[in-house]
PDB file of N, CA and C in Angstrom:
ATOM      1  N   MET A   1     -13.306  67.144 -53.819  1.00  0.00           N
ATOM      2  CA  MET A   1     -13.812  65.883 -53.780  1.00  0.00           C
ATOM      3  C   MET A   1     -15.081  66.002 -52.824  1.00  0.00           C
ATOM      4  N   GLY A   2     -16.139  65.167 -54.813  1.00  0.00           N
ATOM      5  CA  GLY A   2     -17.546  64.828 -54.218  1.00  0.00           C
ATOM      6  C   GLY A   2     -17.940  63.167 -53.374  1.00  0.00           C
ATOM      7  N   ARG A   3     -19.182  63.227 -53.093  1.00  0.00           N
ATOM      8  CA  ARG A   3     -19.558  61.854 -53.136  1.00  0.00           C
ATOM      9  C   ARG A   3     -19.233  60.798 -53.954  1.00  0.00           C
ATOM     10  N   ALA A   4     -19.636  61.032 -54.977  1.00  0.00           N
ATOM     11  CA  ALA A   4     -18.955  59.927 -56.178  1.00  0.00           C
ATOM     12  C   ALA A   4     -17.923  59.710 -55.909  1.00  0.00           C
ATOM     13  N   GLU A   5     -16.861  60.630 -56.302  1.00  0.00           N
ATOM     14  CA  GLU A   5     -15.307  60.505 -55.993  1.00  0.00           C
ATOM     15  C   GLU A   5     -14.641  59.980 -54.938  1.00  0.00           C
ATOM     16  N   ILE A   6     -15.004  60.544 -53.684  1.00  0.00           N
ATOM     17  CA  ILE A   6     -14.779  59.723 -52.185  1.00  0.00           C
ATOM     18  C   ILE A   6     -15.291  57.717 -52.501  1.00  0.00           C
ATOM     19  N   LYS A   7     -16.369  57.773 -52.877  1.00  0.00           N
ATOM     20  CA  LYS A   7     -16.792  56.207 -52.885  1.00  0.00           C
ATOM     21  C   LYS A   7     -16.338  55.773 -53.823  1.00  0.00           C
ATOM     22  N   ALA A   8     -15.676  56.729 -55.175  1.00  0.00           N
ATOM     23  CA  ALA A   8     -15.462  55.637 -56.532  1.00  0.00           C
ATOM     24  C   ALA A   8     -13.433  55.336 -55.768  1.00  0.00           C
ATOM     25  N   ALA A   9     -12.859  56.105 -54.988  1.00  0.00           N
ATOM     26  CA  ALA A   9     -11.704  56.314 -54.586  1.00  0.00           C
ATOM     27  C   ALA A   9     -11.315  54.877 -53.578  1.00  0.00           C
ATOM     28  N   VAL A  10     -12.708  54.762 -52.760  1.00  0.00           N
ATOM     29  CA  VAL A  10     -12.628  54.293 -51.256  1.00  0.00           C
ATOM     30  C   VAL A  10     -12.713  52.403 -52.100  1.00  0.00           C
ATOM     31  N   MET A  11     -13.316  52.543 -53.299  1.00  0.00           N
ATOM     32  CA  MET A  11     -14.044  51.462 -53.386  1.00  0.00           C
ATOM     33  C   MET A  11     -12.581  50.014 -54.300  1.00  0.00           C
ATOM     34  N   ARG A  12     -11.900  51.619 -55.329  1.00  0.00           N
ATOM     35  CA  ARG A  12     -10.687  51.346 -55.649  1.00  0.00           C
ATOM     36  C   ARG A  12      -9.516  50.481 -54.867  1.00  0.00           C
ATOM     37  N   LYS A  13      -9.748  51.225 -53.580  1.00  0.00           N
ATOM     38  CA  LYS A  13      -8.538  50.576 -52.781  1.00  0.00           C
ATOM     39  C   LYS A  13      -9.308  49.579 -52.328  1.00  0.00           C
ATOM     40  N   VAL A  14     -10.372  49.551 -51.702  1.00  0.00           N
ATOM     41  CA  VAL A  14     -11.081  48.183 -51.932  1.00  0.00           C
ATOM     42  C   VAL A  14     -10.625  47.054 -52.626  1.00  0.00           C
ATOM     43  N   GLU A  15     -10.638  47.280 -53.770  1.00  0.00           N
ATOM     44  CA  GLU A  15     -10.717  46.288 -54.974  1.00  0.00           C
ATOM     45  C   GLU A  15      -9.603  46.296 -54.930  1.00  0.00           C
ATOM     46  N   GLU A  16      -8.144  47.092 -54.725  1.00  0.00           N
ATOM     47  CA  GLU A  16      -7.270  46.729 -54.976  1.00  0.00           C
ATOM     48  C   GLU A  16      -6.509  45.667 -54.105  1.00  0.00           C
ATOM     49  N   ALA A  17      -7.030  46.050 -52.658  1.00  0.00           N
ATOM     50  CA  ALA A  17      -6.560  45.125 -51.464  1.00  0.00           C
ATOM     51  C   ALA A  17      -6.932  44.003 -51.599  1.00  0.00           C
ATOM     52  N   VAL A  18      -8.382  43.992 -51.651  1.00  0.00           N
ATOM     53  CA  VAL A  18      -8.815  42.010 -52.337  1.00  0.00           C
ATOM     54  C   VAL A  18      -8.178  41.675 -53.453  1.00  0.00           C
ATOM     55  N   GLU A  19      -7.913  42.458 -54.740  1.00  0.00           N
ATOM     56  CA  GLU A  19      -6.577  41.508 -55.557  1.00  0.00           C
ATOM     57  C   GLU A  19      -6.080  41.025 -54.859  1.00  0.00           C
ATOM     58  N   LYS A  20      -5.136  41.788 -53.848  1.00  0.00           N
ATOM     59  CA  LYS A  20      -3.900  41.769 -53.607  1.00  0.00           C
ATOM     60  C   LYS A  20      -3.552  40.418 -52.619  1.00  0.00           C
ATOM     61  N   ALA A  21      -5.007  40.457 -51.961  1.00  0.00           N
ATOM     62  CA  ALA A  21      -4.685  39.730 -50.778  1.00  0.00           C
ATOM     63  C   ALA A  21      -5.480  38.207 -51.888  1.00  0.00           C
ATOM     64  N   LEU A  22      -5.837  37.578 -52.527  1.00  0.00           N
ATOM     65  CA  LEU A  22      -6.234  36.574 -53.502  1.00  0.00           C
ATOM     66  C   LEU A  22      -5.410  36.262 -54.227  1.00  0.00           C
ATOM     67  N   ALA A  23      -3.576  36.664 -54.830  1.00  0.00           N
ATOM     68  CA  ALA A  23      -2.973  36.781 -55.183  1.00  0.00           C
ATOM     69  C   ALA A  23      -2.644  36.563 -54.418  1.00  0.00           C
ATOM     70  N   LYS A  24      -2.363  36.651 -53.272  1.00  0.00           N
ATOM     71  CA  LYS A  24      -1.288  36.369 -52.143  1.00  0.00           C
ATOM     72  C   LYS A  24      -1.520  34.678 -52.249  1.00  0.00           C
ATOM     73  N   GLY A  25      -3.066  34.444 -51.885  1.00  0.00           N
ATOM     74  CA  GLY A  25      -3.873  33.044 -51.583  1.00  0.00           C
ATOM     75  C   GLY A  25      -3.420  32.395 -52.883  1.00  0.00           C
ATOM     76  N   GLU A  26      -3.300  33.001 -53.656  1.00  0.00           N
ATOM     77  CA  GLU A  26      -3.128  32.158 -55.518  1.00  0.00           C
ATOM     78  C   GLU A  26      -1.636  31.106 -54.721  1.00  0.00           C
ATOM     79  N   GLN A  27      -0.614  31.868 -54.723  1.00  0.00           N
ATOM     80  CA  GLN A  27       0.780  31.785 -54.557  1.00  0.00           C
ATOM     81  C   GLN A  27       1.294  30.932 -53.903  1.00  0.00           C
ATOM     82  N   ALA A  28       0.320  31.461 -52.587  1.00  0.00           N
ATOM     83  CA  ALA A  28       1.034  30.474 -51.416  1.00  0.00           C
ATOM     84  C   ALA A  28       0.015  28.832 -52.035  1.00  0.00           C
ATOM     85  N   GLY A  29      -0.153  28.702 -52.423  1.00  0.00           N
ATOM     86  CA  GLY A  29      -1.014  27.287 -53.204  1.00  0.00           C
ATOM     87  C   GLY A  29      -2.619  26.835 -51.327  1.00  0.00           C
ATOM     88  N   GLN A  30      -1.887  26.026 -50.470  1.00  0.00           N
ATOM     89  CA  GLN A  30      -3.257  26.232 -49.521  1.00  0.00           C
ATOM     90  C   GLN A  30      -2.756  27.198 -48.064  1.00  0.00           C
ATOM     91  N   LEU A  31      -3.712  27.647 -47.862  1.00  0.00           N
ATOM     92  CA  LEU A  31      -3.570  28.490 -46.645  1.00  0.00           C
ATOM     93  C   LEU A  31      -3.957  27.693 -45.426  1.00  0.00           C
ATOM     94  N   SER A  32      -3.506  28.275 -44.646  1.00  0.00           N
ATOM     95  CA  SER A  32      -4.143  27.169 -43.554  1.00  0.00           C
ATOM     96  C   SER A  32      -5.248  29.321 -42.391  1.00  0.00           C
ATOM     97  N   LEU A  33      -5.600  28.689 -41.723  1.00  0.00           N
ATOM     98  CA  LEU A  33      -6.763  29.786 -40.904  1.00  0.00           C
ATOM     99  C   LEU A  33      -6.173  30.458 -40.619  1.00  0.00           C
ATOM    100  N   ASN A  34      -4.417  30.533 -40.209  1.00  0.00           N
ATOM    101  CA  ASN A  34      -4.053  31.304 -39.481  1.00  0.00           C
ATOM    102  C   ASN A  34      -3.615  32.349 -40.564  1.00  0.00           C
ATOM    103  N   ASP A  35      -2.834  31.613 -41.407  1.00  0.00           N
ATOM    104  CA  ASP A  35      -3.015  32.683 -43.258  1.00  0.00           C
ATOM    105  C   ASP A  35      -3.703  33.221 -43.546  1.00  0.00           C
ATOM    106  N   ILE A  36      -4.914  32.704 -43.919  1.00  0.00           N
ATOM    107  CA  ILE A  36      -6.101  34.100 -44.061  1.00  0.00           C
ATOM    108  C   ILE A  36      -6.671  35.329 -42.730  1.00  0.00           C
ATOM    109  N   GLU A  37      -6.446  34.660 -41.463  1.00  0.00           N
ATOM    110  CA  GLU A  37      -6.695  35.835 -40.709  1.00  0.00           C
ATOM    111  C   GLU A  37      -6.062  37.000 -40.877  1.00  0.00           C
ATOM    112  N   GLU A  38      -4.243  36.540 -40.890  1.00  0.00           N
ATOM    113  CA  GLU A  38      -3.327  37.412 -40.691  1.00  0.00           C
ATOM    114  C   GLU A  38      -3.472  38.194 -42.241  1.00  0.00           C
ATOM    115  N   MET A  39      -3.479  38.109 -43.725  1.00  0.00           N
ATOM    116  CA  MET A  39      -4.133  37.986 -44.214  1.00  0.00           C
ATOM    117  C   MET A  39      -5.273  39.163 -44.521  1.00  0.00           C
ATOM    118  N   VAL A  40      -6.737  39.022 -44.046  1.00  0.00           N
ATOM    119  CA  VAL A  40      -7.505  40.261 -43.626  1.00  0.00           C
ATOM    120  C   VAL A  40      -7.821  40.863 -42.929  1.00  0.00           C
ATOM    121  N   LEU A  41      -7.000  40.560 -41.742  1.00  0.00           N
ATOM    122  CA  LEU A  41      -6.362  41.535 -40.623  1.00  0.00           C
ATOM    123  C   LEU A  41      -5.284  42.897 -41.553  1.00  0.00           C
ATOM    124  N   SER A  42      -4.500  42.547 -41.730  1.00  0.00           N
ATOM    125  CA  SER A  42      -3.213  42.846 -42.759  1.00  0.00           C
ATOM    126  C   SER A  42      -4.706  44.351 -43.879  1.00  0.00           C
ATOM    127  N   VAL A  43      -5.157  43.686 -44.497  1.00  0.00           N
ATOM    128  CA  VAL A  43      -6.293  44.617 -45.223  1.00  0.00           C
ATOM    129  C   VAL A  43      -6.892  45.037 -44.904  1.00  0.00           C
ATOM    130  N   GLY A  44      -7.964  45.057 -43.676  1.00  0.00           N
ATOM    131  CA  GLY A  44      -8.328  45.676 -43.084  1.00  0.00           C
ATOM    132  C   GLY A  44      -7.985  46.269 -42.589  1.00  0.00           C
ATOM    133  N   SER A  45      -6.612  46.025 -41.905  1.00  0.00           N
ATOM    134  CA  SER A  45      -5.654  47.608 -41.225  1.00  0.00           C
ATOM    135  C   SER A  45      -5.126  48.594 -42.166  1.00  0.00           C
ATOM    136  N   GLU A  46      -4.648  48.046 -43.673  1.00  0.00           N
ATOM    137  CA  GLU A  46      -4.487  49.120 -44.748  1.00  0.00           C
ATOM    138  C   GLU A  46      -5.672  50.019 -44.897  1.00  0.00           C
ATOM    139  N   LEU A  47      -6.903  48.847 -45.154  1.00  0.00           N
ATOM    140  CA  LEU A  47      -7.874  49.603 -45.592  1.00  0.00           C
ATOM    141  C   LEU A  47      -8.461  50.846 -44.594  1.00  0.00           C
ATOM    142  N   SER A  48      -8.603  50.630 -43.626  1.00  0.00           N
ATOM    143  CA  SER A  48      -8.952  51.860 -42.084  1.00  0.00           C
ATOM    144  C   SER A  48      -8.261  52.904 -42.356  1.00  0.00           C
ATOM    145  N   GLY A  49      -7.005  52.642 -42.383  1.00  0.00           N
ATOM    146  CA  GLY A  49      -6.111  53.746 -42.733  1.00  0.00           C
ATOM    147  C   GLY A  49      -6.359  55.199 -43.532  1.00  0.00           C
ATOM    148  N   GLU A  50      -6.563  53.556 -45.144  1.00  0.00           N
ATOM    149  CA  GLU A  50      -6.582  54.662 -46.303  1.00  0.00           C
ATOM    150  C   GLU A  50      -7.622  55.495 -46.096  1.00  0.00           C
ATOM    151  N   LEU A  51      -8.975  54.330 -45.930  1.00  0.00           N
ATOM    152  CA  LEU A  51      -9.963  55.220 -45.720  1.00  0.00           C
ATOM    153  C   LEU A  51     -10.236  56.452 -44.529  1.00  0.00           C
ATOM    154  N   THR A  52      -9.603  56.214 -43.623  1.00  0.00           N
ATOM    155  CA  THR A  52      -9.689  57.458 -42.770  1.00  0.00           C
ATOM    156  C   THR A  52      -9.134  58.982 -43.625  1.00  0.00           C
ATOM    157  N   GLU A  53      -7.462  58.832 -44.199  1.00  0.00           N
ATOM    158  CA  GLU A  53      -6.912  59.696 -44.701  1.00  0.00           C
ATOM    159  C   GLU A  53      -8.459  60.648 -45.961  1.00  0.00           C
ATOM    160  N   VAL A  54      -8.854  59.618 -46.146  1.00  0.00           N
ATOM    161  CA  VAL A  54      -9.710  59.948 -47.755  1.00  0.00           C
ATOM    162  C   VAL A  54     -10.953  60.781 -47.005  1.00  0.00           C
ATOM    163  N   LEU A  55     -11.685  60.246 -46.166  1.00  0.00           N
ATOM    164  CA  LEU A  55     -12.183  60.918 -45.499  1.00  0.00           C
ATOM    165  C   LEU A  55     -11.419  62.828 -44.267  1.00  0.00           C
ATOM    166  N   VAL A  56     -10.922  62.501 -44.123  1.00  0.00           N
ATOM    167  CA  VAL A  56     -10.379  63.914 -43.270  1.00  0.00           C
ATOM    168  C   VAL A  56      -9.804  64.293 -44.570  1.00  0.00           C
ATOM    169  N   GLN A  57      -9.293  64.014 -45.837  1.00  0.00           N
ATOM    170  CA  GLN A  57      -8.643  64.738 -46.530  1.00  0.00           C
ATOM    171  C   GLN A  57      -9.999  65.276 -47.390  1.00  0.00           C
ATOM    172  N   GLN A  58     -11.198  64.908 -46.872  1.00  0.00           N
ATOM    173  CA  GLN A  58     -12.450  65.371 -47.754  1.00  0.00           C
ATOM    174  C   GLN A  58     -13.251  67.096 -47.051  1.00  0.00           C
ATOM    175  N   ALA A  59     -13.102  66.140 -45.615  1.00  0.00           N
ATOM    176  CA  ALA A  59     -13.682  66.962 -44.748  1.00  0.00           C
ATOM    177  C   ALA A  59     -12.380  68.151 -43.930  1.00  0.00           C
ATOM    178  N   LYS A  60     -11.742  68.727 -45.060  1.00  0.00           N
ATOM    179  CA  LYS A  60      -9.817  68.792 -44.527  1.00  0.00           C
ATOM    180  C   LYS A  60     -10.468  70.660 -43.380  1.00  0.00           C
ATOM    181  N   GLU A  61     -10.572  71.230 -45.318  1.00  0.00           N
ATOM    182  CA  GLU A  61     -10.149  72.707 -45.068  1.00  0.00           C
ATOM    183  C   GLU A  61     -11.781  73.811 -45.567  1.00  0.00           C
ATOM    184  N   PRO A  62     -13.198  73.963 -44.160  1.00  0.00           N
ATOM    185  CA  PRO A  62     -13.961  74.769 -44.585  1.00  0.00           C
ATOM    186  C   PRO A  62     -13.138  76.199 -44.742  1.00  0.00           C
ATOM    187  N   ALA A  63     -14.387  76.727 -44.843  1.00  0.00           N
ATOM    188  CA  ALA A  63     -13.934  78.536 -45.575  1.00  0.00           C
ATOM    189  C   ALA A  63     -14.321  79.156 -43.967  1.00  0.00           C
ATOM    190  N   VAL A  64     -12.626  79.691 -43.786  1.00  0.00           N
ATOM    191  CA  VAL A  64     -12.356  80.786 -42.404  1.00  0.00           C
ATOM    192  C   VAL A  64     -11.676  81.676 -42.939  1.00  0.00           C
ATOM    193  N   PRO A  65     -12.112  82.891 -43.106  1.00  0.00           N
ATOM    194  CA  PRO A  65     -11.472  83.802 -43.918  1.00  0.00           C
ATOM    195  C   PRO A  65     -10.899  84.742 -42.651  1.00  0.00           C
ATOM    196  N   GLY A  66      -9.223  84.478 -42.795  1.00  0.00           N
ATOM    197  CA  GLY A  66      -9.342  85.749 -41.338  1.00  0.00           C
ATOM    198  C   GLY A  66      -9.711  85.569 -40.225  1.00  0.00           C
ATOM    199  N   PRO A  67      -9.566  83.692 -39.710  1.00  0.00           N
ATOM    200  CA  PRO A  67      -9.705  84.178 -38.102  1.00  0.00           C
ATOM    201  C   PRO A  67     -10.044  84.937 -36.437  1.00  0.00           C
ATOM    202  N   SER A  68     -10.013  85.214 -35.896  1.00  0.00           N
ATOM    203  CA  SER A  68      -9.800  85.938 -34.816  1.00  0.00           C
ATOM    204  C   SER A  68      -8.702  85.003 -33.388  1.00  0.00           C
ATOM    205  N   CYS A  69      -8.351  85.618 -33.285  1.00  0.00           N
ATOM    206  CA  CYS A  69      -7.445  84.360 -32.305  1.00  0.00           C
ATOM    207  C   CYS A  69      -7.772  84.056 -30.753  1.00  0.00           C
ATOM    208  N   SER A  70      -8.227  83.325 -30.330  1.00  0.00           N
ATOM    209  CA  SER A  70      -8.712  82.835 -29.313  1.00  0.00           C
ATOM    210  C   SER A  70      -8.046  83.243 -27.971  1.00  0.00           C
ATOM    211  N   SER A  71      -6.739  83.903 -28.421  1.00  0.00           N
ATOM    212  CA  SER A  71      -6.237  84.778 -27.101  1.00  0.00           C
ATOM    213  C   SER A  71      -6.642  86.080 -26.610  1.00  0.00           C
ATOM    214  N   CYS A  72      -6.137  86.678 -28.022  1.00  0.00           N
ATOM    215  CA  CYS A  72      -6.185  87.761 -28.076  1.00  0.00           C
ATOM    216  C   CYS A  72      -7.307  88.837 -28.762  1.00  0.00           C
ATOM    217  N   GLY A  73      -7.868  87.787 -29.432  1.00  0.00           N
ATOM    218  CA  GLY A  73      -9.161  88.561 -30.068  1.00  0.00           C
ATOM    219  C   GLY A  73      -8.550  89.188 -32.100  1.00  0.00           C
ATOM    220  N   ARG A  74      -6.912  89.603 -32.180  1.00  0.00           N
ATOM    221  CA  ARG A  74      -6.912  90.092 -33.532  1.00  0.00           C
ATOM    222  C   ARG A  74      -6.875  89.508 -34.208  1.00  0.00           C
ATOM    223  N   GLU A  75      -6.908  89.673 -35.413  1.00  0.00           N
ATOM    224  CA  GLU A  75      -7.020  89.151 -37.309  1.00  0.00           C
ATOM    225  C   GLU A  75      -5.971  88.292 -37.058  1.00  0.00           C
ATOM    226  N   MET A  76      -6.260  86.921 -37.248  1.00  0.00           N
ATOM    227  CA  MET A  76      -5.188  86.295 -37.457  1.00  0.00           C
ATOM    228  C   MET A  76      -4.283  86.365 -39.331  1.00  0.00           C
ATOM    229  N   HIS A  77      -3.401  86.069 -39.555  1.00  0.00           N
ATOM    230  CA  HIS A  77      -2.719  86.113 -40.672  1.00  0.00           C
ATOM    231  C   HIS A  77      -2.473  84.867 -41.458  1.00  0.00           C
ATOM    232  N   TYR A  78      -3.399  84.623 -43.111  1.00  0.00           N
ATOM    233  CA  TYR A  78      -2.620  82.979 -43.705  1.00  0.00           C
ATOM    234  C   TYR A  78      -1.671  83.190 -44.331  1.00  0.00           C
ATOM    235  N   LYS A  79      -0.903  82.205 -43.557  1.00  0.00           N
ATOM    236  CA  LYS A  79       0.542  81.778 -43.873  1.00  0.00           C
ATOM    237  C   LYS A  79       0.697  80.701 -45.337  1.00  0.00           C
ATOM    238  N   GLY A  80      -0.487  80.217 -45.358  1.00  0.00           N
ATOM    239  CA  GLY A  80      -0.156  79.381 -46.503  1.00  0.00           C
ATOM    240  C   GLY A  80      -0.774  77.635 -46.233  1.00  0.00           C
ATOM    241  N   LYS A  81      -0.284  76.655 -46.780  1.00  0.00           N
ATOM    242  CA  LYS A  81      -0.998  75.484 -46.644  1.00  0.00           C
ATOM    243  C   LYS A  81       0.073  74.818 -45.830  1.00  0.00           C
ATOM    244  N   LYS A  82      -0.149  74.375 -44.716  1.00  0.00           N
ATOM    245  CA  LYS A  82       1.030  73.729 -43.844  1.00  0.00           C
ATOM    246  C   LYS A  82       0.287  71.827 -43.746  1.00  0.00           C
ATOM    247  N   ARG A  83       1.254  71.059 -43.886  1.00  0.00           N
ATOM    248  CA  ARG A  83       1.513  70.042 -43.338  1.00  0.00           C
ATOM    249  C   ARG A  83       1.158  69.309 -42.369  1.00  0.00           C
ATOM    250  N   ARG A  84       0.628  68.823 -41.508  1.00  0.00           N
ATOM    251  CA  ARG A  84       0.569  67.634 -39.723  1.00  0.00           C
ATOM    252  C   ARG A  84       0.442  66.310 -40.090  1.00  0.00           C
ATOM    253  N   TYR A  85       0.840  65.842 -39.610  1.00  0.00           N
ATOM    254  CA  TYR A  85       0.352  64.480 -39.251  1.00  0.00           C
ATOM    255  C   TYR A  85      -0.521  64.468 -37.687  1.00  0.00           C
ATOM    256  N   VAL A  86      -1.434  63.382 -38.099  1.00  0.00           N
ATOM    257  CA  VAL A  86      -2.320  63.273 -37.210  1.00  0.00           C
ATOM    258  C   VAL A  86      -2.260  61.802 -37.203  1.00  0.00           C
ATOM    259  N   ARG A  87      -2.351  60.952 -35.456  1.00  0.00           N
ATOM    260  CA  ARG A  87      -2.350  59.493 -35.429  1.00  0.00           C
ATOM    261  C   ARG A  87      -3.167  59.414 -34.823  1.00  0.00           C
ATOM    262  N   THR A  88      -4.302  58.409 -35.737  1.00  0.00           N
ATOM    263  CA  THR A  88      -6.078  58.589 -35.694  1.00  0.00           C
ATOM    264  C   THR A  88      -6.132  57.306 -34.698  1.00  0.00           C
ATOM    265  N   ARG A  89      -7.269  56.522 -34.331  1.00  0.00           N
ATOM    266  CA  ARG A  89      -7.262  54.410 -34.491  1.00  0.00           C
ATOM    267  C   ARG A  89      -6.882  53.846 -35.054  1.00  0.00           C
ATOM    268  N   THR A  90      -6.753  54.347 -36.649  1.00  0.00           N
ATOM    269  CA  THR A  90      -6.902  53.482 -37.574  1.00  0.00           C
ATOM    270  C   THR A  90      -5.362  53.972 -38.164  1.00  0.00           C
ATOM    271  N   GLY A  91      -4.814  54.985 -37.915  1.00  0.00           N
ATOM    272  CA  GLY A  91      -3.434  54.853 -38.340  1.00  0.00           C
ATOM    273  C   GLY A  91      -2.928  56.229 -38.127  1.00  0.00           C
ATOM    274  N   GLU A  92      -1.494  56.598 -38.796  1.00  0.00           N
ATOM    275  CA  GLU A  92      -1.585  57.813 -38.982  1.00  0.00           C
ATOM    276  C   GLU A  92      -1.537  58.248 -39.967  1.00  0.00           C
ATOM    277  N   VAL A  93      -2.015  59.615 -40.225  1.00  0.00           N
ATOM    278  CA  VAL A  93      -2.951  60.739 -41.321  1.00  0.00           C
ATOM    279  C   VAL A  93      -2.187  61.916 -41.534  1.00  0.00           C
ATOM    280  N   GLN A  94      -1.912  61.721 -42.942  1.00  0.00           N
ATOM    281  CA  GLN A  94      -1.383  63.655 -43.403  1.00  0.00           C
ATOM    282  C   GLN A  94      -2.506  64.628 -43.205  1.00  0.00           C
ATOM    283  N   LEU A  95      -2.771  65.324 -42.913  1.00  0.00           N
ATOM    284  CA  LEU A  95      -3.502  66.571 -43.174  1.00  0.00           C
ATOM    285  C   LEU A  95      -2.961  67.597 -43.772  1.00  0.00           C
ATOM    286  N   GLU A  96      -3.274  68.488 -45.404  1.00  0.00           N
ATOM    287  CA  GLU A  96      -2.507  69.763 -45.666  1.00  0.00           C
ATOM    288  C   GLU A  96      -3.958  70.558 -45.316  1.00  0.00           C
ATOM    289  N   ARG A  97      -3.293  72.040 -44.369  1.00  0.00           N
ATOM    290  CA  ARG A  97      -4.641  72.684 -44.471  1.00  0.00           C
ATOM    291  C   ARG A  97      -3.713  74.046 -44.227  1.00  0.00           C
ATOM    292  N   ALA A  98      -5.061  74.791 -44.044  1.00  0.00           N
ATOM    293  CA  ALA A  98      -4.532  76.596 -44.130  1.00  0.00           C
ATOM    294  C   ALA A  98      -3.694  76.860 -43.051  1.00  0.00           C
ATOM    295  N   TYR A  99      -3.076  77.941 -42.644  1.00  0.00           N
ATOM    296  CA  TYR A  99      -2.528  77.685 -41.592  1.00  0.00           C
ATOM    297  C   TYR A  99      -2.498  79.182 -41.483  1.00  0.00           C
ATOM    298  N   TYR A 100      -3.052  79.987 -40.202  1.00  0.00           N
ATOM    299  CA  TYR A 100      -2.921  81.003 -39.558  1.00  0.00           C
ATOM    300  C   TYR A 100      -2.463  81.520 -38.681  1.00  0.00           C
ATOM    301  N   TYR A 101      -1.390  81.987 -38.256  1.00  0.00           N
ATOM    302  CA  TYR A 101      -0.579  83.263 -37.548  1.00  0.00           C
ATOM    303  C   TYR A 101      -1.233  84.195 -36.820  1.00  0.00           C
ATOM    304  N   CYS A 102      -0.846  84.485 -35.342  1.00  0.00           N
ATOM    305  CA  CYS A 102      -1.197  85.673 -34.675  1.00  0.00           C
ATOM    306  C   CYS A 102       0.096  85.797 -33.943  1.00  0.00           C
ATOM    307  N   ALA A 103       0.421  87.228 -34.994  1.00  0.00           N
ATOM    308  CA  ALA A 103       1.760  87.715 -34.367  1.00  0.00           C
ATOM    309  C   ALA A 103       1.816  87.794 -33.141  1.00  0.00           C
ATOM    310  N   GLY A 104       0.702  88.661 -32.444  1.00  0.00           N
ATOM    311  CA  GLY A 104       0.968  89.175 -31.090  1.00  0.00           C
ATOM    312  C   GLY A 104       0.707  88.272 -30.370  1.00  0.00           C
ATOM    313  N   CYS A 105       0.677  86.934 -30.272  1.00  0.00           N
ATOM    314  CA  CYS A 105       0.673  86.177 -29.380  1.00  0.00           C
ATOM    315  C   CYS A 105       1.245  85.104 -30.252  1.00  0.00           C
ATOM    316  N   GLN A 106       1.896  85.224 -31.203  1.00  0.00           N
ATOM    317  CA  GLN A 106       3.302  83.925 -31.813  1.00  0.00           C
ATOM    318  C   GLN A 106       2.043  82.767 -31.767  1.00  0.00           C
ATOM    319  N   ARG A 107       1.270  82.863 -31.782  1.00  0.00           N
ATOM    320  CA  ARG A 107      -0.074  81.453 -31.399  1.00  0.00           C
ATOM    321  C   ARG A 107      -0.168  80.911 -33.477  1.00  0.00           C
ATOM    322  N   GLY A 108      -0.192  79.793 -33.632  1.00  0.00           N
ATOM    323  CA  GLY A 108      -1.332  78.741 -34.840  1.00  0.00           C
ATOM    324  C   GLY A 108      -2.260  78.480 -35.216  1.00  0.00           C
ATOM    325  N   PHE A 109      -2.861  78.506 -35.863  1.00  0.00           N
ATOM    326  CA  PHE A 109      -3.781  77.711 -35.689  1.00  0.00           C
ATOM    327  C   PHE A 109      -4.568  77.085 -37.449  1.00  0.00           C
ATOM    328  N   PHE A 110      -4.755  75.730 -37.031  1.00  0.00           N
ATOM    329  CA  PHE A 110      -4.507  74.720 -38.444  1.00  0.00           C
ATOM    330  C   PHE A 110      -6.180  74.300 -38.939  1.00  0.00           C
ATOM    331  N   PRO A 111      -7.495  75.371 -38.741  1.00  0.00           N
ATOM    332  CA  PRO A 111      -9.389  74.444 -38.702  1.00  0.00           C
ATOM    333  C   PRO A 111      -8.886  73.315 -38.898  1.00  0.00           C
ATOM    334  N   PRO A 112     -10.193  72.999 -39.073  1.00  0.00           N
ATOM    335  CA  PRO A 112     -11.354  73.207 -38.190  1.00  0.00           C
ATOM    336  C   PRO A 112     -10.070  73.233 -36.281  1.00  0.00           C
ATOM    337  N   GLY A 113      -9.529  72.815 -36.092  1.00  0.00           N
ATOM    338  CA  GLY A 113      -9.312  73.057 -34.664  1.00  0.00           C
ATOM    339  C   GLY A 113      -7.965  72.171 -34.709  1.00  0.00           C
TER     340      GLY A 113
END
């Protein structure tokens, strides 16, 4: 995904979140300051998690052809793509990247680390 595509995806998420918040406000009629703050915090939390995931996915897979095992130095073998869930400060993010395995050490490697 290129820079323009990432920006477009993030902007779509922002627009969706703002529309959702505005619609909720219109449905409720009169909103208190507390209601407004709760909406804004909810939108901010949702967007920060989604933005984190978009940016992590964009930077997810550098070319790593047959890396060497950090323990024994042997070539590690590509075992396909694997999914991992990583908890970040903005929420849980799903990563899908190349996975390598060293048969000698029985260790896996999920680049970039």
